[in-house]
Amino acid sequence: MRSFLLSILLATFCLGCKEESADAKVGNTDFKVAIDVIVEKDDSFALYYTTDGTIDFFSRPAIWQELKGSDQQQRIEFVIPGKIIPTQLRFDLGLKPDQPDVYFKRIAMEYNGRSFSAAGMDVFKYVQPDKHQCLADFSTGKITANIKDGKRLTPAIYPNQDALSKEIEKLTKP
């Protein structure tokens, strides 16, 4: 009898672990966003996102990433945790007042085994510079911060709403 109860307890425990493991895998599906940039000086970059289709990016905190400066192209990866699915994305490209031009070379997104990326001039089919903050040379990806009252503004890259949201929907549809 003792052996029988121990077997049932062991079987229940093993099945329970398998079920929990499967749930954990589903629950830990993260939406990943990466950008490839050339940034000469160490700086901080941010990803803002919305989940309601709007571009009201200040209703959620940003996801910040530090980056070491280099004259080589680098990837910055952002992870939107849990089961949060963004509908729009915005990038802030560096806070340092002495940061030279930044080159925005590629955008990539990944979710649940599906991926999307755009590089070169195609990037600007999905995102655009906030003209109040910066200017972009679409042929090279060069982002030049605007200067206001002698101070460098933080370059902000906003979504081309329809194009970007369609790509996000392709990644996240069941």
C-alpha atoms as a PDB file:
ATOM      1  CA  MET A   1       0.000   0.000   0.000  1.00  0.00           C
ATOM      2  CA  ARG A   2       2.820   2.360   0.903  1.00  0.00           C
ATOM      3  CA  SER A   3       4.501   1.671  -2.461  1.00  0.00           C
ATOM      4  CA  PHE A   4       1.250   2.296  -4.285  1.00  0.00           C
ATOM      5  CA  LEU A   5       0.736   5.682  -2.565  1.00  0.00           C
ATOM      6  CA  LEU A   6       4.350   6.641  -3.234  1.00  0.00           C
ATOM      7  CA  SER A   7       3.896   5.759  -6.938  1.00  0.00           C
ATOM      8  CA  ILE A   8       0.754   7.898  -7.174  1.00  0.00           C
ATOM      9  CA  LEU A   9       2.484  10.790  -5.421  1.00  0.00           C
ATOM     10  CA  LEU A  10       5.515  10.505  -7.701  1.00  0.00           C
ATOM     11  CA  ALA A  11       3.336  10.301 -10.850  1.00  0.00           C
ATOM     12  CA  THR A  12       1.312  13.339  -9.746  1.00  0.00           C
ATOM     13  CA  PHE A  13       4.486  15.283  -9.060  1.00  0.00           C
ATOM     14  CA  CYS A  14       6.024  14.403 -12.454  1.00  0.00           C
ATOM     15  CA  LEU A  15       2.859  15.254 -14.380  1.00  0.00           C
ATOM     16  CA  GLY A  16       2.485  18.448 -12.417  1.00  0.00           C
ATOM     17  CA  CYS A  17       6.047  19.464 -13.288  1.00  0.00           C
ATOM     18  CA  LYS A  18       5.518  18.807 -16.980  1.00  0.00           C
ATOM     19  CA  GLU A  19       2.331  20.844 -16.994  1.00  0.00           C
ATOM     20  CA  GLU A  20       3.976  23.702 -15.102  1.00  0.00           C
ATOM     21  CA  SER A  21       6.952  23.646 -17.427  1.00  0.00           C
ATOM     22  CA  ALA A  22       4.702  23.912 -20.501  1.00  0.00           C
ATOM     23  CA  ASP A  23       2.771  26.792 -18.928  1.00  0.00           C
ATOM     24  CA  ALA A  24       6.010  28.539 -18.019  1.00  0.00           C
ATOM     25  CA  LYS A  25       7.195  28.284 -21.616  1.00  0.00           C
ATOM     26  CA  VAL A  26       3.997  29.846 -22.960  1.00  0.00           C
ATOM     27  CA  GLY A  27       3.986  32.503 -20.230  1.00  0.00           C
ATOM     28  CA  ASN A  28       7.588  33.502 -20.947  1.00  0.00           C
ATOM     29  CA  THR A  29       7.130  34.311 -24.624  1.00  0.00           C
ATOM     30  CA  ASP A  30       8.701  37.741 -24.923  1.00  0.00           C
ATOM     31  CA  PHE A  31       8.360  40.216 -27.758  1.00  0.00           C
ATOM     32  CA  LYS A  32      11.901  41.164 -28.843  1.00  0.00           C
ATOM     33  CA  VAL A  33      12.936  44.257 -30.732  1.00  0.00           C
ATOM     34  CA  ALA A  34      16.442  44.976 -31.982  1.00  0.00           C
ATOM     35  CA  ILE A  35      17.989  47.874 -33.807  1.00  0.00           C
ATOM     36  CA  ASP A  36      21.368  47.988 -35.488  1.00  0.00           C
ATOM     37  CA  VAL A  37      23.089  51.336 -35.111  1.00  0.00           C
ATOM     38  CA  ILE A  38      26.446  53.034 -35.363  1.00  0.00           C
ATOM     39  CA  VAL A  39      27.054  55.191 -32.295  1.00  0.00           C
ATOM     40  CA  GLU A  40      30.458  56.790 -31.682  1.00  0.00           C
ATOM     41  CA  LYS A  41      30.171  57.437 -27.928  1.00  0.00           C
ATOM     42  CA  ASP A  42      28.784  55.453 -24.994  1.00  0.00           C
ATOM     43  CA  ASP A  43      25.137  56.318 -24.501  1.00  0.00           C
ATOM     44  CA  SER A  44      21.679  55.152 -23.412  1.00  0.00           C
ATOM     45  CA  PHE A  45      18.914  54.211 -25.850  1.00  0.00           C
ATOM     46  CA  ALA A  46      15.233  53.669 -25.124  1.00  0.00           C
ATOM     47  CA  LEU A  47      12.347  51.720 -26.563  1.00  0.00           C
ATOM     48  CA  TYR A  48       8.860  53.024 -25.844  1.00  0.00           C
ATOM     49  CA  TYR A  49       5.812  50.998 -26.816  1.00  0.00           C
ATOM     50  CA  THR A  50       2.046  51.167 -26.690  1.00  0.00           C
ATOM     51  CA  THR A  51      -0.491  48.359 -26.552  1.00  0.00           C
ATOM     52  CA  ASP A  52      -3.613  50.229 -27.637  1.00  0.00           C
ATOM     53  CA  GLY A  53      -2.687  51.258 -31.192  1.00  0.00           C
ATOM     54  CA  THR A  54      -1.980  54.872 -30.246  1.00  0.00           C
ATOM     55  CA  ILE A  55       1.336  56.690 -30.233  1.00  0.00           C
ATOM     56  CA  ASP A  56       0.896  57.948 -26.658  1.00  0.00           C
ATOM     57  CA  PHE A  57       4.270  56.540 -25.633  1.00  0.00           C
ATOM     58  CA  PHE A  58       4.433  58.098 -22.208  1.00  0.00           C
ATOM     59  CA  SER A  59       1.740  55.910 -20.657  1.00  0.00           C
ATOM     60  CA  ARG A  60       4.349  53.155 -20.073  1.00  0.00           C
ATOM     61  CA  PRO A  61       7.929  53.353 -18.870  1.00  0.00           C
ATOM     62  CA  ALA A  62      10.677  53.002 -21.438  1.00  0.00           C
ATOM     63  CA  ILE A  63      12.989  50.015 -21.727  1.00  0.00           C
ATOM     64  CA  TRP A  64      16.535  51.391 -21.538  1.00  0.00           C
ATOM     65  CA  GLN A  65      19.750  49.848 -22.848  1.00  0.00           C
ATOM     66  CA  GLU A  66      23.304  51.079 -22.432  1.00  0.00           C
ATOM     67  CA  LEU A  67      25.616  50.956 -25.429  1.00  0.00           C
ATOM     68  CA  LYS A  68      29.380  51.295 -25.723  1.00  0.00           C
ATOM     69  CA  GLY A  69      30.460  53.650 -28.464  1.00  0.00           C
ATOM     70  CA  SER A  70      32.055  52.229 -31.601  1.00  0.00           C
ATOM     71  CA  ASP A  71      32.590  53.113 -35.234  1.00  0.00           C
ATOM     72  CA  GLN A  72      31.221  49.640 -36.092  1.00  0.00           C
ATOM     73  CA  GLN A  73      27.578  48.670 -36.459  1.00  0.00           C
ATOM     74  CA  GLN A  74      26.144  47.222 -33.213  1.00  0.00           C
ATOM     75  CA  ARG A  75      22.877  45.609 -32.202  1.00  0.00           C
ATOM     76  CA  ILE A  76      20.786  46.909 -29.306  1.00  0.00           C
ATOM     77  CA  GLU A  77      18.224  44.386 -28.078  1.00  0.00           C
ATOM     78  CA  PHE A  78      15.099  45.257 -26.143  1.00  0.00           C
ATOM     79  CA  VAL A  79      12.773  42.696 -24.571  1.00  0.00           C
ATOM     80  CA  ILE A  80       9.155  43.498 -23.809  1.00  0.00           C
ATOM     81  CA  PRO A  81       8.494  40.992 -21.021  1.00  0.00           C
ATOM     82  CA  GLY A  82       5.725  38.499 -20.501  1.00  0.00           C
ATOM     83  CA  LYS A  83       2.681  38.364 -22.684  1.00  0.00           C
ATOM     84  CA  ILE A  84       2.700  42.072 -23.536  1.00  0.00           C
ATOM     85  CA  ILE A  85       2.195  42.629 -27.257  1.00  0.00           C
ATOM     86  CA  PRO A  86       3.063  46.114 -28.503  1.00  0.00           C
ATOM     87  CA  THR A  87       1.069  47.837 -31.215  1.00  0.00           C
ATOM     88  CA  GLN A  88       3.494  50.712 -31.881  1.00  0.00           C
ATOM     89  CA  LEU A  89       7.190  51.360 -31.145  1.00  0.00           C
ATOM     90  CA  ARG A  90       9.298  54.462 -30.625  1.00  0.00           C
ATOM     91  CA  PHE A  91      13.081  54.709 -30.181  1.00  0.00           C
ATOM     92  CA  ASP A  92      15.083  57.441 -28.445  1.00  0.00           C
ATOM     93  CA  LEU A  93      18.635  57.432 -29.794  1.00  0.00           C
ATOM     94  CA  GLY A  94      21.020  58.655 -27.143  1.00  0.00           C
ATOM     95  CA  LEU A  95      20.883  61.129 -24.289  1.00  0.00           C
ATOM     96  CA  LYS A  96      24.440  62.489 -24.323  1.00  0.00           C
ATOM     97  CA  PRO A  97      24.584  66.129 -25.360  1.00  0.00           C
ATOM     98  CA  ASP A  98      27.887  65.582 -27.217  1.00  0.00           C
ATOM     99  CA  GLN A  99      26.802  62.469 -29.163  1.00  0.00           C
ATOM    100  CA  PRO A 100      27.593  62.874 -32.870  1.00  0.00           C
ATOM    101  CA  ASP A 101      25.205  61.678 -35.562  1.00  0.00           C
ATOM    102  CA  VAL A 102      23.767  58.194 -35.057  1.00  0.00           C
ATOM    103  CA  TYR A 103      23.277  55.781 -37.942  1.00  0.00           C
ATOM    104  CA  PHE A 104      20.047  53.740 -37.800  1.00  0.00           C
ATOM    105  CA  LYS A 105      20.744  50.693 -39.978  1.00  0.00           C
ATOM    106  CA  ARG A 106      18.218  47.967 -39.179  1.00  0.00           C
ATOM    107  CA  ILE A 107      15.093  47.148 -37.213  1.00  0.00           C
ATOM    108  CA  ALA A 108      14.143  43.588 -36.275  1.00  0.00           C
ATOM    109  CA  MET A 109      11.306  42.075 -34.263  1.00  0.00           C
ATOM    110  CA  GLU A 110      10.766  38.530 -33.017  1.00  0.00           C
ATOM    111  CA  TYR A 111       7.863  36.833 -31.294  1.00  0.00           C
ATOM    112  CA  ASN A 112       6.969  33.204 -30.735  1.00  0.00           C
ATOM    113  CA  GLY A 113       9.321  31.865 -33.422  1.00  0.00           C
ATOM    114  CA  ARG A 114       8.344  34.435 -36.061  1.00  0.00           C
ATOM    115  CA  SER A 115      10.589  37.294 -37.118  1.00  0.00           C
ATOM    116  CA  PHE A 116      10.668  40.449 -39.196  1.00  0.00           C
ATOM    117  CA  SER A 117      13.516  42.736 -40.195  1.00  0.00           C
ATOM    118  CA  ALA A 118      14.152  45.695 -42.453  1.00  0.00           C
ATOM    119  CA  ALA A 119      17.518  47.205 -43.292  1.00  0.00           C
ATOM    120  CA  GLY A 120      18.902  50.160 -45.185  1.00  0.00           C
ATOM    121  CA  MET A 121      16.369  52.479 -46.748  1.00  0.00           C
ATOM    122  CA  ASP A 122      13.603  49.925 -46.066  1.00  0.00           C
ATOM    123  CA  VAL A 123      13.846  50.767 -42.351  1.00  0.00           C
ATOM    124  CA  PHE A 124      12.131  54.069 -43.069  1.00  0.00           C
ATOM    125  CA  LYS A 125       9.069  52.319 -44.479  1.00  0.00           C
ATOM    126  CA  TYR A 126       8.330  51.327 -40.854  1.00  0.00           C
ATOM    127  CA  VAL A 127       9.763  54.177 -38.767  1.00  0.00           C
ATOM    128  CA  GLN A 128      10.354  57.906 -39.261  1.00  0.00           C
ATOM    129  CA  PRO A 129      12.243  60.663 -37.475  1.00  0.00           C
ATOM    130  CA  ASP A 130      10.381  63.074 -35.230  1.00  0.00           C
ATOM    131  CA  LYS A 131      11.215  66.191 -37.262  1.00  0.00           C
ATOM    132  CA  HIS A 132      11.000  68.341 -34.123  1.00  0.00           C
ATOM    133  CA  GLN A 133      13.843  66.316 -32.595  1.00  0.00           C
ATOM    134  CA  CYS A 134      15.987  65.167 -35.527  1.00  0.00           C
ATOM    135  CA  LEU A 135      16.495  64.793 -39.257  1.00  0.00           C
ATOM    136  CA  ALA A 136      17.237  61.618 -41.208  1.00  0.00           C
ATOM    137  CA  ASP A 137      19.154  60.889 -44.365  1.00  0.00           C
ATOM    138  CA  PHE A 138      17.202  57.861 -45.594  1.00  0.00           C
ATOM    139  CA  SER A 139      19.932  56.767 -48.018  1.00  0.00           C
ATOM    140  CA  THR A 140      22.565  56.358 -45.277  1.00  0.00           C
ATOM    141  CA  GLY A 141      20.439  56.019 -42.123  1.00  0.00           C
ATOM    142  CA  LYS A 142      22.185  59.040 -40.595  1.00  0.00           C
ATOM    143  CA  ILE A 143      20.125  60.615 -37.805  1.00  0.00           C
ATOM    144  CA  THR A 144      21.141  64.173 -36.920  1.00  0.00           C
ATOM    145  CA  ALA A 145      19.830  65.650 -33.688  1.00  0.00           C
ATOM    146  CA  ASN A 146      18.249  69.088 -33.894  1.00  0.00           C
ATOM    147  CA  ILE A 147      19.742  71.856 -31.784  1.00  0.00           C
ATOM    148  CA  LYS A 148      17.439  74.123 -29.781  1.00  0.00           C
ATOM    149  CA  ASP A 149      18.708  76.998 -27.646  1.00  0.00           C
ATOM    150  CA  GLY A 150      22.236  75.653 -28.097  1.00  0.00           C
ATOM    151  CA  LYS A 151      21.350  72.168 -26.765  1.00  0.00           C
ATOM    152  CA  ARG A 152      21.175  68.854 -28.604  1.00  0.00           C
ATOM    153  CA  LEU A 153      17.680  67.360 -28.602  1.00  0.00           C
ATOM    154  CA  THR A 154      17.275  63.608 -28.171  1.00  0.00           C
ATOM    155  CA  PRO A 155      16.635  62.034 -31.575  1.00  0.00           C
ATOM    156  CA  ALA A 156      13.288  60.225 -31.519  1.00  0.00           C
ATOM    157  CA  ILE A 157      12.181  57.700 -34.114  1.00  0.00           C
ATOM    158  CA  TYR A 158       8.410  57.189 -34.379  1.00  0.00           C
ATOM    159  CA  PRO A 159       6.450  54.476 -36.174  1.00  0.00           C
ATOM    160  CA  ASN A 160       4.952  54.737 -39.617  1.00  0.00           C
ATOM    161  CA  GLN A 161       1.830  53.534 -37.877  1.00  0.00           C
ATOM    162  CA  ASP A 162       0.055  51.416 -40.479  1.00  0.00           C
ATOM    163  CA  ALA A 163       3.168  49.742 -41.873  1.00  0.00           C
ATOM    164  CA  LEU A 164       4.685  48.899 -38.488  1.00  0.00           C
ATOM    165  CA  SER A 165       1.438  47.708 -36.907  1.00  0.00           C
ATOM    166  CA  LYS A 166       0.809  45.362 -39.863  1.00  0.00           C
ATOM    167  CA  GLU A 167       4.210  43.732 -39.331  1.00  0.00           C
ATOM    168  CA  ILE A 168       3.575  43.386 -35.593  1.00  0.00           C
ATOM    169  CA  GLU A 169       0.180  41.785 -36.328  1.00  0.00           C
ATOM    170  CA  LYS A 170       1.830  39.257 -38.676  1.00  0.00           C
ATOM    171  CA  LEU A 171       4.201  38.247 -35.886  1.00  0.00           C
ATOM    172  CA  THR A 172       1.572  37.945 -33.191  1.00  0.00           C
ATOM    173  CA  LYS A 173      -1.514  36.562 -34.901  1.00  0.00           C
ATOM    174  CA  PRO A 174      -2.428  33.016 -33.815  1.00  0.00           C
END
